[in-house]
PDB file of N, CA and C in Angstrom:
ATOM      1  N   UNK A   1       0.814  -1.198   0.000  1.00  0.00           N
ATOM      2  CA  UNK A   1       0.000   0.000   0.000  1.00  0.00           C
ATOM      3  C   UNK A   1       0.858   1.263   0.000  1.00  0.00           C
ATOM      4  N   UNK A   2       2.163   1.143   0.149  1.00  0.00           N
ATOM      5  CA  UNK A   2       3.014   2.332   0.222  1.00  0.00           C
ATOM      6  C   UNK A   2       3.001   3.134  -1.077  1.00  0.00           C
ATOM      7  N   UNK A   3       2.868   2.494  -2.217  1.00  0.00           N
ATOM      8  CA  UNK A   3       2.832   3.214  -3.486  1.00  0.00           C
ATOM      9  C   UNK A   3       1.571   4.061  -3.625  1.00  0.00           C
ATOM     10  N   UNK A   4       0.513   3.684  -2.947  1.00  0.00           N
ATOM     11  CA  UNK A   4      -0.731   4.428  -3.038  1.00  0.00           C
ATOM     12  C   UNK A   4      -0.550   5.857  -2.509  1.00  0.00           C
ATOM     13  N   UNK A   5       0.297   6.025  -1.515  1.00  0.00           N
ATOM     14  CA  UNK A   5       0.527   7.362  -0.962  1.00  0.00           C
ATOM     15  C   UNK A   5       1.186   8.264  -1.999  1.00  0.00           C
ATOM     16  N   UNK A   6       2.179   7.748  -2.661  1.00  0.00           N
ATOM     17  CA  UNK A   6       2.868   8.522  -3.704  1.00  0.00           C
ATOM     18  C   UNK A   6       1.912   8.820  -4.860  1.00  0.00           C
ATOM     19  N   UNK A   7       1.135   7.828  -5.264  1.00  0.00           N
ATOM     20  CA  UNK A   7       0.182   8.023  -6.359  1.00  0.00           C
ATOM     21  C   UNK A   7      -0.830   9.115  -6.026  1.00  0.00           C
ATOM     22  N   UNK A   8      -1.407   9.042  -4.845  1.00  0.00           N
ATOM     23  CA  UNK A   8      -2.400  10.036  -4.437  1.00  0.00           C
ATOM     24  C   UNK A   8      -1.742  11.403  -4.286  1.00  0.00           C
ATOM     25  N   UNK A   9      -0.535  11.436  -3.755  1.00  0.00           N
ATOM     26  CA  UNK A   9       0.176  12.706  -3.603  1.00  0.00           C
ATOM     27  C   UNK A   9       0.427  13.357  -4.954  1.00  0.00           C
ATOM     28  N   UNK A  10       0.920  12.600  -5.904  1.00  0.00           N
ATOM     29  CA  UNK A  10       1.187  13.146  -7.237  1.00  0.00           C
ATOM     30  C   UNK A  10      -0.095  13.596  -7.922  1.00  0.00           C
ATOM     31  N   UNK A  11      -1.144  12.807  -7.779  1.00  0.00           N
ATOM     32  CA  UNK A  11      -2.436  13.170  -8.355  1.00  0.00           C
ATOM     33  C   UNK A  11      -2.943  14.476  -7.745  1.00  0.00           C
ATOM     34  N   UNK A  12      -2.819  14.612  -6.450  1.00  0.00           N
ATOM     35  CA  UNK A  12      -3.294  15.820  -5.762  1.00  0.00           C
ATOM     36  C   UNK A  12      -2.508  17.040  -6.214  1.00  0.00           C
ATOM     37  N   UNK A  13      -1.199  16.901  -6.341  1.00  0.00           N
ATOM     38  CA  UNK A  13      -0.359  18.014  -6.806  1.00  0.00           C
ATOM     39  C   UNK A  13      -0.731  18.389  -8.243  1.00  0.00           C
ATOM     40  N   UNK A  14      -0.994  17.395  -9.078  1.00  0.00           N
ATOM     41  CA  UNK A  14      -1.400  17.680 -10.463  1.00  0.00           C
ATOM     42  C   UNK A  14      -2.744  18.400 -10.510  1.00  0.00           C
ATOM     43  N   UNK A  15      -3.668  17.994  -9.643  1.00  0.00           N
ATOM     44  CA  UNK A  15      -5.004  18.582  -9.652  1.00  0.00           C
ATOM     45  C   UNK A  15      -5.060  19.954  -8.981  1.00  0.00           C
ATOM     46  N   UNK A  16      -4.127  20.235  -8.119  1.00  0.00           N
ATOM     47  CA  UNK A  16      -4.104  21.495  -7.372  1.00  0.00           C
ATOM     48  C   UNK A  16      -2.728  22.158  -7.475  1.00  0.00           C
ATOM     49  N   UNK A  17      -2.276  22.490  -8.677  1.00  0.00           N
ATOM     50  CA  UNK A  17      -0.928  23.051  -8.833  1.00  0.00           C
ATOM     51  C   UNK A  17      -0.735  24.396  -8.123  1.00  0.00           C
ATOM     52  N   UNK A  18      -1.803  25.166  -8.000  1.00  0.00           N
ATOM     53  CA  UNK A  18      -1.692  26.439  -7.286  1.00  0.00           C
ATOM     54  C   UNK A  18      -1.377  26.221  -5.813  1.00  0.00           C
ATOM     55  N   UNK A  19      -1.968  25.195  -5.220  1.00  0.00           N
ATOM     56  CA  UNK A  19      -1.683  24.895  -3.816  1.00  0.00           C
ATOM     57  C   UNK A  19      -0.296  24.281  -3.648  1.00  0.00           C
ATOM     58  N   UNK A  20       0.138  23.497  -4.620  1.00  0.00           N
ATOM     59  CA  UNK A  20       1.498  22.950  -4.567  1.00  0.00           C
ATOM     60  C   UNK A  20       2.513  24.091  -4.649  1.00  0.00           C
ATOM     61  N   UNK A  21       2.272  25.027  -5.553  1.00  0.00           N
ATOM     62  CA  UNK A  21       3.152  26.192  -5.663  1.00  0.00           C
ATOM     63  C   UNK A  21       3.130  26.997  -4.371  1.00  0.00           C
ATOM     64  N   UNK A  22       1.957  27.176  -3.807  1.00  0.00           N
ATOM     65  CA  UNK A  22       1.849  27.882  -2.530  1.00  0.00           C
ATOM     66  C   UNK A  22       2.594  27.178  -1.418  1.00  0.00           C
ATOM     67  N   UNK A  23       2.605  25.861  -1.439  1.00  0.00           N
ATOM     68  CA  UNK A  23       3.368  25.093  -0.449  1.00  0.00           C
ATOM     69  C   UNK A  23       4.862  25.330  -0.637  1.00  0.00           C
ATOM     70  N   UNK A  24       5.310  25.312  -1.894  1.00  0.00           N
ATOM     71  CA  UNK A  24       6.736  25.564  -2.175  1.00  0.00           C
ATOM     72  C   UNK A  24       7.164  26.954  -1.737  1.00  0.00           C
ATOM     73  N   UNK A  25       6.273  27.923  -1.868  1.00  0.00           N
ATOM     74  CA  UNK A  25       6.627  29.313  -1.560  1.00  0.00           C
ATOM     75  C   UNK A  25       6.160  29.737  -0.170  1.00  0.00           C
ATOM     76  N   UNK A  26       5.661  28.806   0.612  1.00  0.00           N
ATOM     77  CA  UNK A  26       5.210  29.054   1.989  1.00  0.00           C
ATOM     78  C   UNK A  26       4.056  30.044   2.068  1.00  0.00           C
ATOM     79  N   UNK A  27       3.153  29.979   1.092  1.00  0.00           N
ATOM     80  CA  UNK A  27       1.960  30.827   1.139  1.00  0.00           C
ATOM     81  C   UNK A  27       1.058  30.319   2.260  1.00  0.00           C
ATOM     82  N   UNK A  28       0.587  31.218   3.109  1.00  0.00           N
ATOM     83  CA  UNK A  28      -0.269  30.798   4.223  1.00  0.00           C
ATOM     84  C   UNK A  28      -1.475  29.988   3.752  1.00  0.00           C
ATOM     85  N   UNK A  29      -1.738  28.933   4.465  1.00  0.00           N
ATOM     86  CA  UNK A  29      -2.884  28.028   4.282  1.00  0.00           C
ATOM     87  C   UNK A  29      -2.799  27.127   3.056  1.00  0.00           C
ATOM     88  N   UNK A  30      -1.811  27.285   2.208  1.00  0.00           N
ATOM     89  CA  UNK A  30      -1.711  26.447   1.014  1.00  0.00           C
ATOM     90  C   UNK A  30      -1.473  24.986   1.395  1.00  0.00           C
ATOM     91  N   UNK A  31      -0.539  24.754   2.320  1.00  0.00           N
ATOM     92  CA  UNK A  31      -0.239  23.377   2.707  1.00  0.00           C
ATOM     93  C   UNK A  31      -1.451  22.706   3.327  1.00  0.00           C
ATOM     94  N   UNK A  32      -2.143  23.374   4.198  1.00  0.00           N
ATOM     95  CA  UNK A  32      -3.321  22.786   4.833  1.00  0.00           C
ATOM     96  C   UNK A  32      -4.396  22.420   3.835  1.00  0.00           C
ATOM     97  N   UNK A  33      -4.620  23.299   2.863  1.00  0.00           N
ATOM     98  CA  UNK A  33      -5.624  23.026   1.840  1.00  0.00           C
ATOM     99  C   UNK A  33      -5.195  21.853   0.957  1.00  0.00           C
ATOM    100  N   UNK A  34      -3.926  21.830   0.578  1.00  0.00           N
ATOM    101  CA  UNK A  34      -3.420  20.733  -0.250  1.00  0.00           C
ATOM    102  C   UNK A  34      -3.524  19.410   0.503  1.00  0.00           C
ATOM    103  N   UNK A  35      -3.144  19.416   1.766  1.00  0.00           N
ATOM    104  CA  UNK A  35      -3.223  18.207   2.588  1.00  0.00           C
ATOM    105  C   UNK A  35      -4.668  17.723   2.712  1.00  0.00           C
ATOM    106  N   UNK A  36      -5.593  18.642   2.875  1.00  0.00           N
ATOM    107  CA  UNK A  36      -7.007  18.261   2.977  1.00  0.00           C
ATOM    108  C   UNK A  36      -7.490  17.597   1.693  1.00  0.00           C
ATOM    109  N   UNK A  37      -7.101  18.135   0.554  1.00  0.00           N
ATOM    110  CA  UNK A  37      -7.487  17.521  -0.720  1.00  0.00           C
ATOM    111  C   UNK A  37      -6.882  16.125  -0.845  1.00  0.00           C
ATOM    112  N   UNK A  38      -5.653  15.965  -0.421  1.00  0.00           N
ATOM    113  CA  UNK A  38      -5.010  14.657  -0.478  1.00  0.00           C
ATOM    114  C   UNK A  38      -5.688  13.642   0.423  1.00  0.00           C
ATOM    115  N   UNK A  39      -6.016  14.050   1.633  1.00  0.00           N
ATOM    116  CA  UNK A  39      -6.696  13.157   2.573  1.00  0.00           C
ATOM    117  C   UNK A  39      -8.043  12.718   2.000  1.00  0.00           C
ATOM    118  N   UNK A  40      -8.770  13.659   1.450  1.00  0.00           N
ATOM    119  CA  UNK A  40     -10.068  13.334   0.849  1.00  0.00           C
ATOM    120  C   UNK A  40      -9.910  12.337  -0.289  1.00  0.00           C
ATOM    121  N   UNK A  41      -8.913  12.558  -1.142  1.00  0.00           N
ATOM    122  CA  UNK A  41      -8.685  11.657  -2.272  1.00  0.00           C
ATOM    123  C   UNK A  41      -8.323  10.248  -1.802  1.00  0.00           C
ATOM    124  N   UNK A  42      -7.463  10.150  -0.801  1.00  0.00           N
ATOM    125  CA  UNK A  42      -7.070   8.827  -0.310  1.00  0.00           C
ATOM    126  C   UNK A  42      -8.243   8.137   0.376  1.00  0.00           C
ATOM    127  N   UNK A  43      -8.992   8.887   1.156  1.00  0.00           N
ATOM    128  CA  UNK A  43     -10.149   8.304   1.845  1.00  0.00           C
ATOM    129  C   UNK A  43     -11.151   7.755   0.827  1.00  0.00           C
ATOM    130  N   UNK A  44     -11.392   8.502  -0.246  1.00  0.00           N
ATOM    131  CA  UNK A  44     -12.304   8.017  -1.290  1.00  0.00           C
ATOM    132  C   UNK A  44     -11.749   6.770  -1.971  1.00  0.00           C
ATOM    133  N   UNK A  45     -10.458   6.737  -2.144  1.00  0.00           N
ATOM    134  CA  UNK A  45      -9.833   5.602  -2.830  1.00  0.00           C
ATOM    135  C   UNK A  45      -9.899   4.317  -2.010  1.00  0.00           C
ATOM    136  N   UNK A  46      -9.685   4.429  -0.690  1.00  0.00           N
ATOM    137  CA  UNK A  46      -9.695   3.219   0.139  1.00  0.00           C
ATOM    138  C   UNK A  46     -11.080   2.911   0.701  1.00  0.00           C
ATOM    139  N   UNK A  47     -11.992   3.875   0.604  1.00  0.00           N
ATOM    140  CA  UNK A  47     -13.362   3.633   1.012  1.00  0.00           C
ATOM    141  C   UNK A  47     -13.618   3.602   2.499  1.00  0.00           C
ATOM    142  N   UNK A  48     -12.786   4.287   3.265  1.00  0.00           N
ATOM    143  CA  UNK A  48     -12.963   4.307   4.727  1.00  0.00           C
ATOM    144  C   UNK A  48     -12.144   5.458   5.304  1.00  0.00           C
ATOM    145  N   UNK A  49     -12.367   5.701   6.586  1.00  0.00           N
ATOM    146  CA  UNK A  49     -11.562   6.702   7.286  1.00  0.00           C
ATOM    147  C   UNK A  49     -10.114   6.200   7.377  1.00  0.00           C
ATOM    148  N   UNK A  50      -9.183   7.129   7.405  1.00  0.00           N
ATOM    149  CA  UNK A  50      -7.771   6.762   7.454  1.00  0.00           C
ATOM    150  C   UNK A  50      -7.288   6.640   8.895  1.00  0.00           C
ATOM    151  N   UNK A  51      -6.313   5.777   9.094  1.00  0.00           N
ATOM    152  CA  UNK A  51      -5.662   5.689  10.400  1.00  0.00           C
ATOM    153  C   UNK A  51      -4.673   6.853  10.527  1.00  0.00           C
ATOM    154  N   UNK A  52      -4.210   7.091  11.739  1.00  0.00           N
ATOM    155  CA  UNK A  52      -3.199   8.134  11.937  1.00  0.00           C
ATOM    156  C   UNK A  52      -1.953   7.844  11.112  1.00  0.00           C
ATOM    157  N   UNK A  53      -1.537   6.593  11.079  1.00  0.00           N
ATOM    158  CA  UNK A  53      -0.341   6.217  10.325  1.00  0.00           C
ATOM    159  C   UNK A  53      -0.531   6.464   8.826  1.00  0.00           C
ATOM    160  N   UNK A  54      -1.710   6.165   8.321  1.00  0.00           N
ATOM    161  CA  UNK A  54      -1.985   6.406   6.901  1.00  0.00           C
ATOM    162  C   UNK A  54      -1.980   7.895   6.582  1.00  0.00           C
ATOM    163  N   UNK A  55      -2.584   8.693   7.457  1.00  0.00           N
ATOM    164  CA  UNK A  55      -2.573  10.149   7.242  1.00  0.00           C
ATOM    165  C   UNK A  55      -1.151  10.678   7.229  1.00  0.00           C
ATOM    166  N   UNK A  56      -0.365  10.232   8.174  1.00  0.00           N
ATOM    167  CA  UNK A  56       1.026  10.704   8.251  1.00  0.00           C
ATOM    168  C   UNK A  56       1.836  10.269   7.031  1.00  0.00           C
ATOM    169  N   UNK A  57       1.613   9.057   6.568  1.00  0.00           N
ATOM    170  CA  UNK A  57       2.316   8.577   5.372  1.00  0.00           C
ATOM    171  C   UNK A  57       1.923   9.408   4.151  1.00  0.00           C
ATOM    172  N   UNK A  58       0.644   9.729   4.047  1.00  0.00           N
ATOM    173  CA  UNK A  58       0.206  10.564   2.929  1.00  0.00           C
ATOM    174  C   UNK A  58       0.791  11.963   3.049  1.00  0.00           C
ATOM    175  N   UNK A  59       0.759  12.547   4.237  1.00  0.00           N
ATOM    176  CA  UNK A  59       1.326  13.885   4.426  1.00  0.00           C
ATOM    177  C   UNK A  59       2.789  13.918   3.997  1.00  0.00           C
ATOM    178  N   UNK A  60       3.538  12.889   4.369  1.00  0.00           N
ATOM    179  CA  UNK A  60       4.949  12.819   3.990  1.00  0.00           C
ATOM    180  C   UNK A  60       5.098  12.780   2.468  1.00  0.00           C
ATOM    181  N   UNK A  61       4.340  11.891   1.818  1.00  0.00           N
ATOM    182  CA  UNK A  61       4.415  11.773   0.358  1.00  0.00           C
ATOM    183  C   UNK A  61       3.942  13.053  -0.322  1.00  0.00           C
ATOM    184  N   UNK A  62       2.907  13.658   0.222  1.00  0.00           N
ATOM    185  CA  UNK A  62       2.361  14.874  -0.361  1.00  0.00           C
ATOM    186  C   UNK A  62       3.325  16.043  -0.200  1.00  0.00           C
ATOM    187  N   UNK A  63       3.947  16.155   0.949  1.00  0.00           N
ATOM    188  CA  UNK A  63       4.929  17.218   1.175  1.00  0.00           C
ATOM    189  C   UNK A  63       6.079  17.093   0.182  1.00  0.00           C
ATOM    190  N   UNK A  64       6.566  15.865   0.016  1.00  0.00           N
ATOM    191  CA  UNK A  64       7.666  15.639  -0.936  1.00  0.00           C
ATOM    192  C   UNK A  64       7.231  15.983  -2.365  1.00  0.00           C
ATOM    193  N   UNK A  65       6.053  15.537  -2.755  1.00  0.00           N
ATOM    194  CA  UNK A  65       5.578  15.798  -4.118  1.00  0.00           C
ATOM    195  C   UNK A  65       5.340  17.293  -4.342  1.00  0.00           C
ATOM    196  N   UNK A  66       4.821  17.978  -3.359  1.00  0.00           N
ATOM    197  CA  UNK A  66       4.544  19.408  -3.494  1.00  0.00           C
ATOM    198  C   UNK A  66       5.841  20.219  -3.576  1.00  0.00           C
ATOM    199  N   UNK A  67       6.887  19.753  -2.920  1.00  0.00           N
ATOM    200  CA  UNK A  67       8.153  20.491  -2.893  1.00  0.00           C
ATOM    201  C   UNK A  67       8.981  20.281  -4.158  1.00  0.00           C
ATOM    202  N   UNK A  68       8.629  19.263  -4.947  1.00  0.00           N
ATOM    203  CA  UNK A  68       9.343  19.029  -6.203  1.00  0.00           C
ATOM    204  C   UNK A  68       8.963  20.110  -7.203  1.00  0.00           C
ATOM    205  N   UNK A  69       9.914  20.533  -7.975  1.00  0.00           N
ATOM    206  CA  UNK A  69       9.613  21.507  -9.011  1.00  0.00           C
ATOM    207  C   UNK A  69       8.780  20.833 -10.095  1.00  0.00           C
ATOM    208  N   UNK A  70       7.764  21.512 -10.593  1.00  0.00           N
ATOM    209  CA  UNK A  70       6.948  20.897 -11.649  1.00  0.00           C
ATOM    210  C   UNK A  70       7.732  20.727 -12.936  1.00  0.00           C
ATOM    211  N   UNK A  71       7.305  19.763 -13.730  1.00  0.00           N
ATOM    212  CA  UNK A  71       7.918  19.552 -15.042  1.00  0.00           C
ATOM    213  C   UNK A  71       7.694  20.784 -15.909  1.00  0.00           C
ATOM    214  N   UNK A  72       8.731  21.227 -16.578  1.00  0.00           N
ATOM    215  CA  UNK A  72       8.592  22.382 -17.473  1.00  0.00           C
ATOM    216  C   UNK A  72       8.381  21.946 -18.916  1.00  0.00           C
ATOM    217  N   UNK A  73       8.444  20.632 -19.150  1.00  0.00           N
ATOM    218  CA  UNK A  73       8.269  20.114 -20.512  1.00  0.00           C
ATOM    219  C   UNK A  73       6.808  20.068 -20.942  1.00  0.00           C
ATOM    220  N   UNK A  74       5.893  20.173 -19.963  1.00  0.00           N
ATOM    221  CA  UNK A  74       4.459  20.170 -20.286  1.00  0.00           C
ATOM    222  C   UNK A  74       3.964  18.830 -20.321  1.00  0.00           C
TER     223      UNK A  74
END
C-alpha cells in the first residue's frame, strides 16, 4: 500500500498546482488546503476513514511531491 501514498500525492499536486506552488513558496494556508485535498482523495480511494499512520504517510508523500519543481516540458 506504500505506493498508493505517492500516487495520491502526485495526483493531488497535479489537480491542485496552485496549492502545490503555494506550499513551495510558503503561502499561508496552502499546505493545509493541499493536505485536505489529499486526505479526501485517499479516503475516497480506500473507502474508509484513514488511520493516523496512513494520514502521516500521505502527508509525507504529499509534502515531498509538493516540494518538487513541476515539469517544465508540459
